[in-house]
Protein backbone atom coordinates (compact mmCIF):
# COMPACT_ATOMS: atom_id res chain seq x y z
CA UNK A 1 24.69 23.77 -6.47
CA UNK A 2 27.71 23.33 -4.31
CA UNK A 3 27.63 23.94 -0.67
CA UNK A 4 29.65 23.39 2.50
CA UNK A 5 28.57 21.99 5.76
CA UNK A 6 30.53 24.76 7.44
CA UNK A 7 28.05 27.39 6.22
CA UNK A 8 25.27 25.89 8.29
CA UNK A 9 23.16 24.67 5.36
CA UNK A 10 21.46 21.40 5.53
CA UNK A 11 20.90 20.69 1.82
CA UNK A 12 22.97 20.93 -1.41
CA UNK A 13 26.02 19.01 -2.59
CA UNK A 14 29.52 19.14 -1.20
CA UNK A 15 32.52 18.25 -3.45
CA UNK A 16 35.58 16.63 -2.01
CA UNK A 17 38.81 16.38 -4.10
CA UNK A 18 41.29 13.62 -3.42
CA UNK A 19 44.10 12.72 -5.79
CA UNK A 20 42.32 12.05 -9.18
CA UNK A 21 38.91 11.47 -7.57
CA UNK A 22 35.98 13.88 -7.04
CA UNK A 23 33.39 12.85 -4.37
CA UNK A 24 29.95 14.51 -4.55
CA UNK A 25 28.11 14.23 -1.15
CA UNK A 26 24.37 14.99 -0.63
CA UNK A 27 24.48 17.09 2.60
CA UNK A 28 20.89 16.30 3.61
CA UNK A 29 21.19 12.48 3.29
CA UNK A 30 24.94 11.89 3.53
CA UNK A 31 24.81 9.72 0.39
CA UNK A 32 28.05 10.15 -1.57
CA UNK A 33 29.43 8.92 -4.91
CA UNK A 34 32.77 9.43 -6.75
CA UNK A 35 34.02 9.97 -10.30
CA UNK A 36 36.92 11.23 -12.19
CA UNK A 37 35.19 14.57 -12.70
CA UNK A 38 32.46 16.73 -11.03
CA UNK A 39 29.97 15.80 -13.81
CA UNK A 40 30.74 12.11 -13.37
CA UNK A 41 30.46 12.26 -9.56
CA UNK A 42 27.16 14.14 -9.91
CA UNK A 43 25.81 11.55 -12.34
CA UNK A 44 26.85 8.69 -10.04
CA UNK A 45 25.29 10.65 -7.03
CA UNK A 46 22.03 11.05 -8.87
CA UNK A 47 21.89 7.22 -9.31
CA UNK A 48 22.84 6.60 -5.73
CA UNK A 49 20.16 9.05 -4.44
CA UNK A 50 17.52 7.20 -6.62
CA UNK A 51 18.38 3.97 -5.10
CA UNK A 52 18.59 5.40 -1.56
CA UNK A 53 15.08 6.80 -1.99
CA UNK A 54 13.65 3.37 -2.94
CA UNK A 55 14.36 3.29 -6.76
CA UNK A 56 15.55 0.17 -8.48
CA UNK A 57 14.28 -3.25 -8.86
CA UNK A 58 13.65 -5.75 -6.04
CA UNK A 59 15.84 -8.86 -6.06
CA UNK A 60 13.55 -11.82 -5.97
CA UNK A 61 16.19 -14.64 -6.01
CA UNK A 62 19.26 -13.56 -4.08
CA UNK A 63 21.33 -16.69 -4.88
CA UNK A 64 20.63 -16.23 -8.70
CA UNK A 65 21.56 -12.63 -8.48
CA UNK A 66 24.91 -13.42 -6.85
CA UNK A 67 25.71 -16.07 -9.39
CA UNK A 68 24.86 -13.62 -12.19
CA UNK A 69 27.47 -11.17 -10.84
CA UNK A 70 30.00 -13.84 -10.32
CA UNK A 71 29.74 -14.46 -6.59
CA UNK A 72 29.25 -17.93 -5.11
CA UNK A 73 26.25 -17.58 -2.83
CA UNK A 74 27.71 -20.24 -0.43
CA UNK A 75 30.76 -18.01 0.14
CA UNK A 76 28.56 -15.30 1.69
CA UNK A 77 28.62 -14.92 5.51
CA UNK A 78 25.01 -15.03 6.75
CA UNK A 79 25.80 -13.06 9.85
CA UNK A 80 23.51 -10.05 9.91
CA UNK A 81 25.20 -8.24 12.70
CA UNK A 82 26.92 -4.94 11.84
CA UNK A 83 30.68 -4.99 11.15
CA UNK A 84 32.95 -4.37 14.07
CA UNK A 85 34.00 -0.99 12.69
CA UNK A 86 30.38 0.26 13.15
CA UNK A 87 30.02 -0.74 16.66
């Protein structure tokens, strides 16, 4: 299941090892997720890919959602332009 971008393939999963962290990256989409082991990284990647492909539930009331996870909605910057590091 593991692959490397260097072999010219455009699908599969690439594993990157850094310190005590394993990152699993889907080569086709570029979506990546990390964990303390390959199995944990793959499980997290599966969740991330499901969300990337439109899975999950829509958030109907953003302010209520932010309050539920402990973020003050008034503290969020409404600027929709991309961050400077993406420009």
